Amino acid sequence: MIIKRFASQFAGVRDAAKYIPRRSLLYVPASNQKMLDKIPQMISDSVVLELEDGVALTAKADARKNATQALNKLPFHTLSCQELGLRVNSVSSGLLEDDIKEVSKAEKLPQAFMVPKVDSPEDLASIYSIFKQYYGEDRITNTSTRFVIWIESARALLDMPRIVSSALNLHRQSGFFKLDAVVFGSDDYCADIGATRTSHGTETLFARQKFVAVCKAFQLQAIDSVYIDIKDLGGLKRQCDEGRLWGFTGKQVIHPSQVPTVHEQFLPPTDRIQWAQELVHAYSEHESLGKGAFQFRGQMIDRPLLLQALNIIQLVERVTAPNQGSLAIETELPKLDIDELIIKVLSVGKPEKSLTRTIKEQDLIALCTLARTIFLQQSVFIEVTAPIKICGDVHGQYSDVLRLFSITGFPPQHNYLFLGDYVDRGHQNIEVITLFFCYKIKYPENFFLLRGNHECPSINRVYGFFEECNRRYSSTRLWLAFQETFSAMPFSGLVSERILCMHGGLSPKLTSLSMLRDLSRTMDPPSPSLHLDLLWSDPDNTISGWAPNLRGVSYVFGPSIVNKMCEQLDIDLIARAHQVVQDGYEFFAQKKLVTIFSAPHYCGQFDNSAAVMSVDENLMCTFQILRSVIRKPKSAL
């Protein structure tokens, strides 16, 4: 079947974080090193490092140490699974604090923290308190790590709406891990109510139905109970079918042999995928026309239904990665000739070669989809090696971008890292971002783009980009497509482990590079947050320490902060942009920080030069300068 990707058009309705499919949760006892070594090849959607039931009490200490080492060692982005989670022990066990004390020593957070036997909102308060004590508040707020809990008792089932609501409120109020899924623990539930387990499962009929109803009410994934008999794949298939029809989105598995059956049964059927595709397309049409509520197949469409359709599309997109083998479904990425598109955008300025004459809106939307795919395949923290050229703000000054490349060399002649602010203020924002997205798609490992504060909808809605999209293409839909791609861009980068790069600057929340690797991707960064500081903060020679930023957002920081941060993060230099500087570059804090600005004669109002910082293999930094060209008006004589 062919799945067309319309989801990129819904910046206003889609949850900013990525949808993580959890058709299967496969437990790997952290006390079993042989099984831990097999994790990179495991194809379960969610592979769970297990510290709870699957680990004997006498092996808990070793399991904690093994889990900590696995978090540091395993390269998350190359695993075959969609998510690497960690299930700790429950609050009631008295072992949770020992678990968190040890695993907090890992540099990386798991992609999901999973806590069993959550019986009350008070348990959630205890969980947050323990995490905060050992991780520190900054490491557990506004990260991409998700939160998954287990309902395993009669008390918890009856109180489930209050438990779930408390978990969601905890995220909203403190920034703690976002609750993403809830798992039904049938064995402990049956033990709690004194029921006898049977193969047909009638003893859990009421519990499973209530459980999935509460999950759906709060728009959470509902993960069904384990099917014990690993040899009875027919029974497993029947139970998966039943659960899927009730609304469950996945199932716990206890053996890798169960995974293919579970994945196949929890993949939406063809007619359901077609429904989601057509619904999203219909919404797109109504949105582009500025219409509100609408009917689809005789049914009024509301936000929950739209999110349901988007989740189906995202699920199918996520499980079609090359490493899914025979489980992959054929998907149709937009067909786009990138070489031809580069020729067209480089030809802008020639007779009859304007952007709107040669490049259609649907081609630009397709370009956004392709670029977003590349960004999501790479880390939110770009780690590259020199030699590389680092550039600052360009702000839609397309002719100056071409001048810059003519001096420094067009890709792929050199590797490039741009520090953000590609749009707004200038007159050819679409040309700039189109060329940059083309280069990102054509040279994904040589051309890197960080996100700037102007790659946020709340800013470029006001400072020119929104107006340009509507004036030149009469399209809000195009602007939304760009926002969806901007939200996938990385916030920071590291060159040869020594030069830390971002658009804005440092943050009082930043204590380790692992925090940058764990950042979530978000449409509009929350305030306050590490995300926001990376985009907005500024150095200031007149202060010591931190102070409120006169921009009204984030902070300014003095030289002492730069010195302290370089020592703490074990780096030599911080490269950032975000401010106009007269010569195109300017050092700060005894050359431990450099500001780079690459838009000469900025806004037509400044006489500043532009600069590009070239970093060679030995990390020697030199600067190429692009002088301001101020065109004098022609004489009337």
Foldseek 3Di string as FASTA:
>chain_A
DAFEDLPLLCQPQEALFAQQFQQEEEEDALLDVVSLVCQQQFQGQEYEHEQPPVADPVSNVVSLQSVLVSQQPDDVLRGNYNFYEYEHEFPVVVCRLVSLLRNLPRLADGLEYEYEDPQALVSVVVNVVSNCVRNNLLLFAQFNRAYEYEHQAPNCLVCVLVNLVSQQVCCVPRRGHHHAAYEYEDVSHCVRVVHDDDLVGPVCVVSLLSQQVSCLVVVHAYEYEERPPLVCQVSVLVVLLVSVVSPHQHYYYHDSSNRVSSLVSNQDDPVLLVVLSVVSVVVLVCVFVVHDWDDDPNHIDDSSVNNVSVSNSSVLVSCQDPSNPPSHDDYDQDDDDLVVLLVLLVCDPDPQRHCLSPPALVNLLSLLVLLLVLLLSDFLAAEEEDQEKEFEAAAQPVVLVVVVCVVVPDPPVAAYEYAEHQHFLYDHSVSRVSNLSSCCNVCVRRYAYAYALCLACVNVVPGPPCVNCCVSRVGPSSVSSSLSSSLSHHAWYHYPLAETEGAADFAPSDQEVSSSRRRTRGRNDDPPHRSQRSHHEEEDQVDAAWDPDPVNGGIYHYLVVLVVVCVRHVHQAYEYEHDADAFQKDAHNVRRYMYGHAHACRSVPDQGKHWMWGQHNVRDTDIDIGGHDRDDDDDPD
